[in-house]
Amino acid sequence: KEKKTKARLNAWVREGVKIEEDAVATISTLGFMGEKYMEISPGTPG
């Protein structure tokens, strides 16, 4: 559709954790040069 290559991450989330469909996922780093991880910020209530 967008005519470009993308990266798809498959993430396991433990049971009971609720993530809204409009939540924002970003790649962050622990410290300046630390371990990279995926951070998800909650979306709109409801």
ModelCIF file with pLDDT and N, C-alpha, C, O atoms, coordinates in Angstrom:
data_MODEL
#
_entry.id   MODEL 
#
_entity.id                         1 
_entity.type                       polymer 
_entity.pdbx_number_of_molecules   1 
#
_entity_poly.entity_id                      1 
_entity_poly.type                           'polypeptide(L)' 
_entity_poly.nstd_linkage                   no 
_entity_poly.nstd_monomer                   no 
_entity_poly.pdbx_seq_one_letter_code       KEKKTKARLNAWVREGVKIEEDAVATISTLGFMGEKYMEISPGTPG 
_entity_poly.pdbx_seq_one_letter_code_can   KEKKTKARLNAWVREGVKIEEDAVATISTLGFMGEKYMEISPGTPG 
_entity_poly.pdbx_strand_id                 A 
#
loop_
_entity_poly_seq.entity_id 
_entity_poly_seq.num 
_entity_poly_seq.mon_id 
_entity_poly_seq.hetero 
1 1  LYS n 
1 2  GLU n 
1 3  LYS n 
1 4  LYS n 
1 5  THR n 
1 6  LYS n 
1 7  ALA n 
1 8  ARG n 
1 9  LEU n 
1 10 ASN n 
1 11 ALA n 
1 12 TRP n 
1 13 VAL n 
1 14 ARG n 
1 15 GLU n 
1 16 GLY n 
1 17 VAL n 
1 18 LYS n 
1 19 ILE n 
1 20 GLU n 
1 21 GLU n 
1 22 ASP n 
1 23 ALA n 
1 24 VAL n 
1 25 ALA n 
1 26 THR n 
1 27 ILE n 
1 28 SER n 
1 29 THR n 
1 30 LEU n 
1 31 GLY n 
1 32 PHE n 
1 33 MET n 
1 34 GLY n 
1 35 GLU n 
1 36 LYS n 
1 37 TYR n 
1 38 MET n 
1 39 GLU n 
1 40 ILE n 
1 41 SER n 
1 42 PRO n 
1 43 GLY n 
1 44 THR n 
1 45 PRO n 
1 46 GLY n 
#
_struct_asym.id          A 
_struct_asym.entity_id   1 
#
loop_
_ma_qa_metric.id 
_ma_qa_metric.mode 
_ma_qa_metric.name 
_ma_qa_metric.software_group_id 
_ma_qa_metric.type 
1 global pLDDT . pLDDT 
2 local  pLDDT . pLDDT 
#
_ma_qa_metric_global.metric_id      1 
_ma_qa_metric_global.metric_value   91.39 
_ma_qa_metric_global.model_id       1 
_ma_qa_metric_global.ordinal_id     1 
#
loop_
_ma_qa_metric_local.label_asym_id 
_ma_qa_metric_local.label_comp_id 
_ma_qa_metric_local.label_seq_id 
_ma_qa_metric_local.metric_id 
_ma_qa_metric_local.metric_value 
_ma_qa_metric_local.model_id 
_ma_qa_metric_local.ordinal_id 
A LYS 1  2 90.00 1 1  
A GLU 2  2 89.00 1 2  
A LYS 3  2 92.00 1 3  
A LYS 4  2 92.00 1 4  
A THR 5  2 94.00 1 5  
A LYS 6  2 93.00 1 6  
A ALA 7  2 93.00 1 7  
A ARG 8  2 95.00 1 8  
A LEU 9  2 95.00 1 9  
A ASN 10 2 96.00 1 10 
A ALA 11 2 95.00 1 11 
A TRP 12 2 96.00 1 12 
A VAL 13 2 96.00 1 13 
A ARG 14 2 95.00 1 14 
A GLU 15 2 94.00 1 15 
A GLY 16 2 94.00 1 16 
A VAL 17 2 95.00 1 17 
A LYS 18 2 95.00 1 18 
A ILE 19 2 96.00 1 19 
A GLU 20 2 96.00 1 20 
A GLU 21 2 95.00 1 21 
A ASP 22 2 95.00 1 22 
A ALA 23 2 96.00 1 23 
A VAL 24 2 95.00 1 24 
A ALA 25 2 95.00 1 25 
A THR 26 2 94.00 1 26 
A ILE 27 2 92.00 1 27 
A SER 28 2 90.00 1 28 
A THR 29 2 87.00 1 29 
A LEU 30 2 82.00 1 30 
A GLY 31 2 72.00 1 31 
A PHE 32 2 65.00 1 32 
A MET 33 2 69.00 1 33 
A GLY 34 2 77.00 1 34 
A GLU 35 2 86.00 1 35 
A LYS 36 2 90.00 1 36 
A TYR 37 2 93.00 1 37 
A MET 38 2 94.00 1 38 
A GLU 39 2 95.00 1 39 
A ILE 40 2 96.00 1 40 
A SER 41 2 95.00 1 41 
A PRO 42 2 94.00 1 42 
A GLY 43 2 94.00 1 43 
A THR 44 2 95.00 1 44 
A PRO 45 2 94.00 1 45 
A GLY 46 2 93.00 1 46 
#
loop_
_atom_site.group_PDB 
_atom_site.id 
_atom_site.type_symbol 
_atom_site.label_atom_id 
_atom_site.label_alt_id 
_atom_site.label_comp_id 
_atom_site.label_asym_id 
_atom_site.label_entity_id 
_atom_site.label_seq_id 
_atom_site.pdbx_PDB_ins_code 
_atom_site.Cartn_x 
_atom_site.Cartn_y 
_atom_site.Cartn_z 
_atom_site.occupancy 
_atom_site.B_iso_or_equiv 
_atom_site.pdbx_formal_charge 
_atom_site.auth_seq_id 
_atom_site.auth_comp_id 
_atom_site.auth_asym_id 
_atom_site.auth_atom_id 
_atom_site.pdbx_PDB_model_num 
ATOM 1   N N  . LYS A 1 1  ? 0.821   -1.208  0.000  1.00 90.00 ? 1  LYS A N  1 
ATOM 2   C CA . LYS A 1 1  ? 0.000   0.000   0.000  1.00 90.00 ? 1  LYS A CA 1 
ATOM 3   C C  . LYS A 1 1  ? 0.853   1.255   0.000  1.00 90.00 ? 1  LYS A C  1 
ATOM 4   O O  . LYS A 1 1  ? 0.590   2.187   -0.760 1.00 90.00 ? 1  LYS A O  1 
ATOM 5   N N  . GLU A 1 2  ? 1.895   1.284   0.867  1.00 89.00 ? 2  GLU A N  1 
ATOM 6   C CA . GLU A 1 2  ? 2.757   2.461   0.968  1.00 89.00 ? 2  GLU A CA 1 
ATOM 7   C C  . GLU A 1 2  ? 3.998   2.359   0.086  1.00 89.00 ? 2  GLU A C  1 
ATOM 8   O O  . GLU A 1 2  ? 4.784   3.303   -0.002 1.00 89.00 ? 2  GLU A O  1 
ATOM 9   N N  . LYS A 1 3  ? 4.171   1.213   -0.563 1.00 92.00 ? 3  LYS A N  1 
ATOM 10  C CA . LYS A 1 3  ? 5.283   1.009   -1.492 1.00 92.00 ? 3  LYS A CA 1 
ATOM 11  C C  . LYS A 1 3  ? 6.654   1.215   -0.831 1.00 92.00 ? 3  LYS A C  1 
ATOM 12  O O  . LYS A 1 3  ? 7.519   1.900   -1.378 1.00 92.00 ? 3  LYS A O  1 
ATOM 13  N N  . LYS A 1 4  ? 6.838   0.621   0.336  1.00 92.00 ? 4  LYS A N  1 
ATOM 14  C CA . LYS A 1 4  ? 8.140   0.712   1.001  1.00 92.00 ? 4  LYS A CA 1 
ATOM 15  C C  . LYS A 1 4  ? 8.312   -0.436  1.989  1.00 92.00 ? 4  LYS A C  1 
ATOM 16  O O  . LYS A 1 4  ? 7.338   -1.057  2.415  1.00 92.00 ? 4  LYS A O  1 
ATOM 17  N N  . THR A 1 5  ? 9.566   -0.708  2.348  1.00 94.00 ? 5  THR A N  1 
ATOM 18  C CA . THR A 1 5  ? 9.881   -1.782  3.279  1.00 94.00 ? 5  THR A CA 1 
ATOM 19  C C  . THR A 1 5  ? 9.698   -1.312  4.717  1.00 94.00 ? 5  THR A C  1 
ATOM 20  O O  . THR A 1 5  ? 10.088  -0.201  5.073  1.00 94.00 ? 5  THR A O  1 
ATOM 21  N N  . LYS A 1 6  ? 9.100   -2.172  5.536  1.00 93.00 ? 6  LYS A N  1 
ATOM 22  C CA . LYS A 1 6  ? 8.876   -1.842  6.940  1.00 93.00 ? 6  LYS A CA 1 
ATOM 23  C C  . LYS A 1 6  ? 9.390   -2.971  7.833  1.00 93.00 ? 6  LYS A C  1 
ATOM 24  O O  . LYS A 1 6  ? 9.667   -4.079  7.373  1.00 93.00 ? 6  LYS A O  1 
ATOM 25  N N  . ALA A 1 7  ? 9.507   -2.655  9.117  1.00 93.00 ? 7  ALA A N  1 
ATOM 26  C CA . ALA A 1 7  ? 9.896   -3.657  10.108 1.00 93.00 ? 7  ALA A CA 1 
ATOM 27  C C  . ALA A 1 7  ? 8.697   -3.937  10.999 1.00 93.00 ? 7  ALA A C  1 
ATOM 28  O O  . ALA A 1 7  ? 8.038   -3.014  11.478 1.00 93.00 ? 7  ALA A O  1 
ATOM 29  N N  . ARG A 1 8  ? 8.420   -5.216  11.217 1.00 95.00 ? 8  ARG A N  1 
ATOM 30  C CA . ARG A 1 8  ? 7.300   -5.597  12.084 1.00 95.00 ? 8  ARG A CA 1 
ATOM 31  C C  . ARG A 1 8  ? 7.820   -6.335  13.304 1.00 95.00 ? 8  ARG A C  1 
ATOM 32  O O  . ARG A 1 8  ? 8.488   -7.362  13.181 1.00 95.00 ? 8  ARG A O  1 
ATOM 33  N N  . LEU A 1 9  ? 7.515   -5.813  14.471 1.00 95.00 ? 9  LEU A N  1 
ATOM 34  C CA . LEU A 1 9  ? 7.889   -6.450  15.729 1.00 95.00 ? 9  LEU A CA 1 
ATOM 35  C C  . LEU A 1 9  ? 6.717   -7.261  16.240 1.00 95.00 ? 9  LEU A C  1 
ATOM 36  O O  . LEU A 1 9  ? 5.577   -6.795  16.225 1.00 95.00 ? 9  LEU A O  1 
ATOM 37  N N  . ASN A 1 10 ? 6.996   -8.481  16.694 1.00 96.00 ? 10 ASN A N  1 
ATOM 38  C CA . ASN A 1 10 ? 5.978   -9.306  17.335 1.00 96.00 ? 10 ASN A CA 1 
ATOM 39  C C  . ASN A 1 10 ? 6.262   -9.282  18.831 1.00 96.00 ? 10 ASN A C  1 
ATOM 40  O O  . ASN A 1 10 ? 7.296   -9.776  19.280 1.00 96.00 ? 10 ASN A O  1 
ATOM 41  N N  . ALA A 1 11 ? 5.347   -8.710  19.597 1.00 95.00 ? 11 ALA A N  1 
ATOM 42  C CA . ALA A 1 11 ? 5.574   -8.530  21.031 1.00 95.00 ? 11 ALA A CA 1 
ATOM 43  C C  . ALA A 1 11 ? 4.614   -9.373  21.858 1.00 95.00 ? 11 ALA A C  1 
ATOM 44  O O  . ALA A 1 11 ? 3.414   -9.413  21.585 1.00 95.00 ? 11 ALA A O  1 
ATOM 45  N N  . TRP A 1 12 ? 5.152   -10.044 22.869 1.00 96.00 ? 12 TRP A N  1 
ATOM 46  C CA . TRP A 1 12 ? 4.325   -10.769 23.829 1.00 96.00 ? 12 TRP A CA 1 
ATOM 47  C C  . TRP A 1 12 ? 4.056   -9.866  25.019 1.00 96.00 ? 12 TRP A C  1 
ATOM 48  O O  . TRP A 1 12 ? 4.974   -9.272  25.585 1.00 96.00 ? 12 TRP A O  1 
ATOM 49  N N  . VAL A 1 13 ? 2.784   -9.771  25.394 1.00 96.00 ? 13 VAL A N  1 
ATOM 50  C CA . VAL A 1 13 ? 2.364   -8.951  26.533 1.00 96.00 ? 13 VAL A CA 1 
ATOM 51  C C  . VAL A 1 13 ? 1.633   -9.850  27.515 1.00 96.00 ? 13 VAL A C  1 
ATOM 52  O O  . VAL A 1 13 ? 0.767   -10.633 27.126 1.00 96.00 ? 13 VAL A O  1 
ATOM 53  N N  . ARG A 1 14 ? 1.981   -9.737  28.778 1.00 95.00 ? 14 ARG A N  1 
ATOM 54  C CA . ARG A 1 14 ? 1.388   -10.636 29.771 1.00 95.00 ? 14 ARG A CA 1 
ATOM 55  C C  . ARG A 1 14 ? -0.115  -10.402 29.933 1.00 95.00 ? 14 ARG A C  1 
ATOM 56  O O  . ARG A 1 14 ? -0.642  -9.327  29.648 1.00 95.00 ? 14 ARG A O  1 
ATOM 57  N N  . GLU A 1 15 ? -0.764  -11.438 30.394 1.00 94.00 ? 15 GLU A N  1 
ATOM 58  C CA . GLU A 1 15 ? -2.212  -11.424 30.563 1.00 94.00 ? 15 GLU A CA 1 
ATOM 59  C C  . GLU A 1 15 ? -2.641  -10.327 31.537 1.00 94.00 ? 15 GLU A C  1 
ATOM 60  O O  . GLU A 1 15 ? -1.984  -10.095 32.551 1.00 94.00 ? 15 GLU A O  1 
ATOM 61  N N  . GLY A 1 16 ? -3.745  -9.657  31.220 1.00 94.00 ? 16 GLY A N  1 
ATOM 62  C CA . GLY A 1 16 ? -4.277  -8.627  32.109 1.00 94.00 ? 16 GLY A CA 1 
ATOM 63  C C  . GLY A 1 16 ? -3.853  -7.219  31.761 1.00 94.00 ? 16 GLY A C  1 
ATOM 64  O O  . GLY A 1 16 ? -4.432  -6.258  32.266 1.00 94.00 ? 16 GLY A O  1 
ATOM 65  N N  . VAL A 1 17 ? -2.844  -7.076  30.899 1.00 95.00 ? 17 VAL A N  1 
ATOM 66  C CA . VAL A 1 17 ? -2.381  -5.733  30.495 1.00 95.00 ? 17 VAL A CA 1 
ATOM 67  C C  . VAL A 1 17 ? -3.260  -5.237  29.352 1.00 95.00 ? 17 VAL A C  1 
ATOM 68  O O  . VAL A 1 17 ? -3.360  -5.888  28.313 1.00 95.00 ? 17 VAL A O  1 
ATOM 69  N N  . LYS A 1 18 ? -3.891  -4.094  29.544 1.00 95.00 ? 18 LYS A N  1 
ATOM 70  C CA . LYS A 1 18 ? -4.784  -3.527  28.549 1.00 95.00 ? 18 LYS A CA 1 
ATOM 71  C C  . LYS A 1 18 ? -4.086  -2.423  27.757 1.00 95.00 ? 18 LYS A C  1 
ATOM 72  O O  . LYS A 1 18 ? -3.537  -1.486  28.338 1.00 95.00 ? 18 LYS A O  1 
ATOM 73  N N  . ILE A 1 19 ? -4.108  -2.539  26.441 1.00 96.00 ? 19 ILE A N  1 
ATOM 74  C CA . ILE A 1 19 ? -3.481  -1.546  25.567 1.00 96.00 ? 19 ILE A CA 1 
ATOM 75  C C  . ILE A 1 19 ? -4.522  -1.039  24.578 1.00 96.00 ? 19 ILE A C  1 
ATOM 76  O O  . ILE A 1 19 ? -5.089  -1.817  23.811 1.00 96.00 ? 19 ILE A O  1 
ATOM 77  N N  . GLU A 1 20 ? -4.773  0.269   24.599 1.00 96.00 ? 20 GLU A N  1 
ATOM 78  C CA . GLU A 1 20 ? -5.759  0.845   23.695 1.00 96.00 ? 20 GLU A CA 1 
ATOM 79  C C  . GLU A 1 20 ? -5.291  0.780   22.244 1.00 96.00 ? 20 GLU A C  1 
ATOM 80  O O  . GLU A 1 20 ? -4.091  0.776   21.969 1.00 96.00 ? 20 GLU A O  1 
ATOM 81  N N  . GLU A 1 21 ? -6.243  0.731   21.324 1.00 95.00 ? 21 GLU A N  1 
ATOM 82  C CA . GLU A 1 21 ? -5.912  0.609   19.909 1.00 95.00 ? 21 GLU A CA 1 
ATOM 83  C C  . GLU A 1 21 ? -5.177  1.829   19.357 1.00 95.00 ? 21 GLU A C  1 
ATOM 84  O O  . GLU A 1 21 ? -4.513  1.725   18.326 1.00 95.00 ? 21 GLU A O  1 
ATOM 85  N N  . ASP A 1 22 ? -5.283  2.996   20.028 1.00 95.00 ? 22 ASP A N  1 
ATOM 86  C CA . ASP A 1 22 ? -4.564  4.187   19.580 1.00 95.00 ? 22 ASP A CA 1 
ATOM 87  C C  . ASP A 1 22 ? -3.359  4.497   20.469 1.00 95.00 ? 22 ASP A C  1 
ATOM 88  O O  . ASP A 1 22 ? -2.859  5.622   20.477 1.00 95.00 ? 22 ASP A O  1 
ATOM 89  N N  . ALA A 1 23 ? -2.897  3.491   21.217 1.00 96.00 ? 23 ALA A N  1 
ATOM 90  C CA . ALA A 1 23 ? -1.691  3.678   22.035 1.00 96.00 ? 23 ALA A CA 1 
ATOM 91  C C  . ALA A 1 23 ? -0.500  3.997   21.127 1.00 96.00 ? 23 ALA A C  1 
ATOM 92  O O  . ALA A 1 23 ? -0.508  3.683   19.937 1.00 96.00 ? 23 ALA A O  1 
ATOM 93  N N  . VAL A 1 24 ? 0.523   4.628   21.712 1.00 95.00 ? 24 VAL A N  1 
ATOM 94  C CA . VAL A 1 24 ? 1.698   5.036   20.940 1.00 95.00 ? 24 VAL A CA 1 
ATOM 95  C C  . VAL A 1 24 ? 2.891   4.183   21.345 1.00 95.00 ? 24 VAL A C  1 
ATOM 96  O O  . VAL A 1 24 ? 3.292   4.173   22.508 1.00 95.00 ? 24 VAL A O  1 
ATOM 97  N N  . ALA A 1 25 ? 3.456   3.464   20.372 1.00 95.00 ? 25 ALA A N  1 
ATOM 98  C CA . ALA A 1 25 ? 4.624   2.614   20.614 1.00 95.00 ? 25 ALA A CA 1 
ATOM 99  C C  . ALA A 1 25 ? 5.873   3.281   20.047 1.00 95.00 ? 25 ALA A C  1 
ATOM 100 O O  . ALA A 1 25 ? 5.872   3.730   18.901 1.00 95.00 ? 25 ALA A O  1 
ATOM 101 N N  . THR A 1 26 ? 6.926   3.347   20.837 1.00 94.00 ? 26 THR A N  1 
ATOM 102 C CA . THR A 1 26 ? 8.183   3.942   20.403 1.00 94.00 ? 26 THR A CA 1 
ATOM 103 C C  . THR A 1 26 ? 9.342   3.036   20.818 1.00 94.00 ? 26 THR A C  1 
ATOM 104 O O  . THR A 1 26 ? 9.193   2.176   21.685 1.00 94.00 ? 26 THR A O  1 
ATOM 105 N N  . ILE A 1 27 ? 10.488  3.242   20.188 1.00 92.00 ? 27 ILE A N  1 
ATOM 106 C CA . ILE A 1 27 ? 11.721  2.551   20.574 1.00 92.00 ? 27 ILE A CA 1 
ATOM 107 C C  . ILE A 1 27 ? 12.530  3.505   21.431 1.00 92.00 ? 27 ILE A C  1 
ATOM 108 O O  . ILE A 1 27 ? 12.863  4.607   20.995 1.00 92.00 ? 27 ILE A O  1 
ATOM 109 N N  . SER A 1 28 ? 12.851  3.083   22.658 1.00 90.00 ? 28 SER A N  1 
ATOM 110 C CA . SER A 1 28 ? 13.597  3.927   23.581 1.00 90.00 ? 28 SER A CA 1 
ATOM 111 C C  . SER A 1 28 ? 14.884  3.227   24.012 1.00 90.00 ? 28 SER A C  1 
ATOM 112 O O  . SER A 1 28 ? 15.114  2.058   23.701 1.00 90.00 ? 28 SER A O  1 
ATOM 113 N N  . THR A 1 29 ? 15.705  3.968   24.729 1.00 87.00 ? 29 THR A N  1 
ATOM 114 C CA . THR A 1 29 ? 16.991  3.438   25.194 1.00 87.00 ? 29 THR A CA 1 
ATOM 115 C C  . THR A 1 29 ? 17.150  3.715   26.679 1.00 87.00 ? 29 THR A C  1 
ATOM 116 O O  . THR A 1 29 ? 16.861  4.819   27.141 1.00 87.00 ? 29 THR A O  1 
ATOM 117 N N  . LEU A 1 30 ? 17.608  2.716   27.430 1.00 82.00 ? 30 LEU A N  1 
ATOM 118 C CA . LEU A 1 30 ? 17.899  2.901   28.842 1.00 82.00 ? 30 LEU A CA 1 
ATOM 119 C C  . LEU A 1 30 ? 19.203  3.681   28.970 1.00 82.00 ? 30 LEU A C  1 
ATOM 120 O O  . LEU A 1 30 ? 20.278  3.155   28.685 1.00 82.00 ? 30 LEU A O  1 
ATOM 121 N N  . GLY A 1 31 ? 19.102  4.947   29.402 1.00 72.00 ? 31 GLY A N  1 
ATOM 122 C CA . GLY A 1 31 ? 20.286  5.790   29.441 1.00 72.00 ? 31 GLY A CA 1 
ATOM 123 C C  . GLY A 1 31 ? 20.630  6.279   28.045 1.00 72.00 ? 31 GLY A C  1 
ATOM 124 O O  . GLY A 1 31 ? 19.809  6.201   27.131 1.00 72.00 ? 31 GLY A O  1 
ATOM 125 N N  . PHE A 1 32 ? 21.855  6.787   27.882 1.00 65.00 ? 32 PHE A N  1 
ATOM 126 C CA . PHE A 1 32 ? 22.257  7.351   26.590 1.00 65.00 ? 32 PHE A CA 1 
ATOM 127 C C  . PHE A 1 32 ? 22.637  6.269   25.591 1.00 65.00 ? 32 PHE A C  1 
ATOM 128 O O  . PHE A 1 32 ? 22.296  6.363   24.412 1.00 65.00 ? 32 PHE A O  1 
ATOM 129 N N  . MET A 1 33 ? 23.342  5.241   26.056 1.00 69.00 ? 33 MET A N  1 
ATOM 130 C CA . MET A 1 33 ? 23.796  4.166   25.163 1.00 69.00 ? 33 MET A CA 1 
ATOM 131 C C  . MET A 1 33 ? 23.434  2.792   25.728 1.00 69.00 ? 33 MET A C  1 
ATOM 132 O O  . MET A 1 33 ? 24.146  1.816   25.490 1.00 69.00 ? 33 MET A O  1 
ATOM 133 N N  . GLY A 1 34 ? 22.318  2.711   26.482 1.00 77.00 ? 34 GLY A N  1 
ATOM 134 C CA . GLY A 1 34 ? 21.943  1.462   27.126 1.00 77.00 ? 34 GLY A CA 1 
ATOM 135 C C  . GLY A 1 34 ? 21.126  0.542   26.242 1.00 77.00 ? 34 GLY A C  1 
ATOM 136 O O  . GLY A 1 34 ? 21.113  0.670   25.017 1.00 77.00 ? 34 GLY A O  1 
ATOM 137 N N  . GLU A 1 35 ? 20.438  -0.398  26.897 1.00 86.00 ? 35 GLU A N  1 
ATOM 138 C CA . GLU A 1 35 ? 19.637  -1.391  26.189 1.00 86.00 ? 35 GLU A CA 1 
ATOM 139 C C  . GLU A 1 35 ? 18.425  -0.740  25.540 1.00 86.00 ? 35 GLU A C  1 
ATOM 140 O O  . GLU A 1 35 ? 17.797  0.147   26.119 1.00 86.00 ? 35 GLU A O  1 
ATOM 141 N N  . LYS A 1 36 ? 18.106  -1.186  24.342 1.00 90.00 ? 36 LYS A N  1 
ATOM 142 C CA . LYS A 1 36 ? 16.935  -0.665  23.635 1.00 90.00 ? 36 LYS A CA 1 
ATOM 143 C C  . LYS A 1 36 ? 15.707  -1.497  24.001 1.00 90.00 ? 36 LYS A C  1 
ATOM 144 O O  . LYS A 1 36 ? 15.805  -2.706  24.212 1.00 90.00 ? 36 LYS A O  1 
ATOM 145 N N  . TYR A 1 37 ? 14.563  -0.841  24.073 1.00 93.00 ? 37 TYR A N  1 
ATOM 146 C CA . TYR A 1 37 ? 13.323  -1.532  24.406 1.00 93.00 ? 37 TYR A CA 1 
ATOM 147 C C  . TYR A 1 37 ? 12.158  -0.808  23.747 1.00 93.00 ? 37 TYR A C  1 
ATOM 148 O O  . TYR A 1 37 ? 12.312  0.307   23.247 1.00 93.00 ? 37 TYR A O  1 
ATOM 149 N N  . MET A 1 38 ? 10.998  -1.444  23.750 1.00 94.00 ? 38 MET A N  1 
ATOM 150 C CA . MET A 1 38 ? 9.804   -0.816  23.176 1.00 94.00 ? 38 MET A CA 1 
ATOM 151 C C  . MET A 1 38 ? 8.935   -0.271  24.299 1.00 94.00 ? 38 MET A C  1 
ATOM 152 O O  . MET A 1 38 ? 8.540   -1.000  25.208 1.00 94.00 ? 38 MET A O  1 
ATOM 153 N N  . GLU A 1 39 ? 8.645   1.014   24.221 1.00 95.00 ? 39 GLU A N  1 
ATOM 154 C CA . GLU A 1 39 ? 7.802   1.689   25.202 1.00 95.00 ? 39 GLU A CA 1 
ATOM 155 C C  . GLU A 1 39 ? 6.440   1.957   24.584 1.00 95.00 ? 39 GLU A C  1 
ATOM 156 O O  . GLU A 1 39 ? 6.351   2.469   23.468 1.00 95.00 ? 39 GLU A O  1 
ATOM 157 N N  . ILE A 1 40 ? 5.376   1.614   25.305 1.00 96.00 ? 40 ILE A N  1 
ATOM 158 C CA . ILE A 1 40 ? 4.012   1.860   24.836 1.00 96.00 ? 40 ILE A CA 1 
ATOM 159 C C  . ILE A 1 40 ? 3.332   2.835   25.787 1.00 96.00 ? 40 ILE A C  1 
ATOM 160 O O  . ILE A 1 40 ? 3.189   2.560   26.978 1.00 96.00 ? 40 ILE A O  1 
ATOM 161 N N  . SER A 1 41 ? 2.916   3.971   25.252 1.00 95.00 ? 41 SER A N  1 
ATOM 162 C CA . SER A 1 41 ? 2.189   4.961   26.047 1.00 95.00 ? 41 SER A CA 1 
ATOM 163 C C  . SER A 1 41 ? 0.695   4.723   25.873 1.00 95.00 ? 41 SER A C  1 
ATOM 164 O O  . SER A 1 41 ? 0.233   4.533   24.748 1.00 95.00 ? 41 SER A O  1 
ATOM 165 N N  . PRO A 1 42 ? -0.072  4.730   26.964 1.00 94.00 ? 42 PRO A N  1 
ATOM 166 C CA . PRO A 1 42 ? -1.507  4.452   26.879 1.00 94.00 ? 42 PRO A CA 1 
ATOM 167 C C  . PRO A 1 42 ? -2.225  5.394   25.910 1.00 94.00 ? 42 PRO A C  1 
ATOM 168 O O  . PRO A 1 42 ? -1.831  6.545   25.721 1.00 94.00 ? 42 PRO A O  1 
ATOM 169 N N  . GLY A 1 43 ? -3.296  4.866   25.301 1.00 94.00 ? 43 GLY A N  1 
ATOM 170 C CA . GLY A 1 43 ? -4.084  5.644   24.359 1.00 94.00 ? 43 GLY A CA 1 
ATOM 171 C C  . GLY A 1 43 ? -5.245  6.349   25.031 1.00 94.00 ? 43 GLY A C  1 
ATOM 172 O O  . GLY A 1 43 ? -5.194  6.652   26.223 1.00 94.00 ? 43 GLY A O  1 
ATOM 173 N N  . THR A 1 44 ? -6.285  6.608   24.266 1.00 95.00 ? 44 THR A N  1 
ATOM 174 C CA . THR A 1 44 ? -7.442  7.339   24.754 1.00 95.00 ? 44 THR A CA 1 
ATOM 175 C C  . THR A 1 44 ? -8.346  6.439   25.599 1.00 95.00 ? 44 THR A C  1 
ATOM 176 O O  . THR A 1 44 ? -8.695  5.340   25.168 1.00 95.00 ? 44 THR A O  1 
ATOM 177 N N  . PRO A 1 45 ? -8.729  6.891   26.801 1.00 94.00 ? 45 PRO A N  1 
ATOM 178 C CA . PRO A 1 45 ? -9.644  6.095   27.626 1.00 94.00 ? 45 PRO A CA 1 
ATOM 179 C C  . PRO A 1 45 ? -10.950 5.817   26.879 1.00 94.00 ? 45 PRO A C  1 
ATOM 180 O O  . PRO A 1 45 ? -11.513 6.700   26.232 1.00 94.00 ? 45 PRO A O  1 
ATOM 181 N N  . GLY A 1 46 ? -11.411 4.587   26.980 1.00 93.00 ? 46 GLY A N  1 
ATOM 182 C CA . GLY A 1 46 ? -12.656 4.221   26.321 1.00 93.00 ? 46 GLY A CA 1 
ATOM 183 C C  . GLY A 1 46 ? -12.466 3.578   24.960 1.00 93.00 ? 46 GLY A C  1 
ATOM 184 O O  . GLY A 1 46 ? -13.444 3.223   24.302 1.00 93.00 ? 46 GLY A O  1 
#
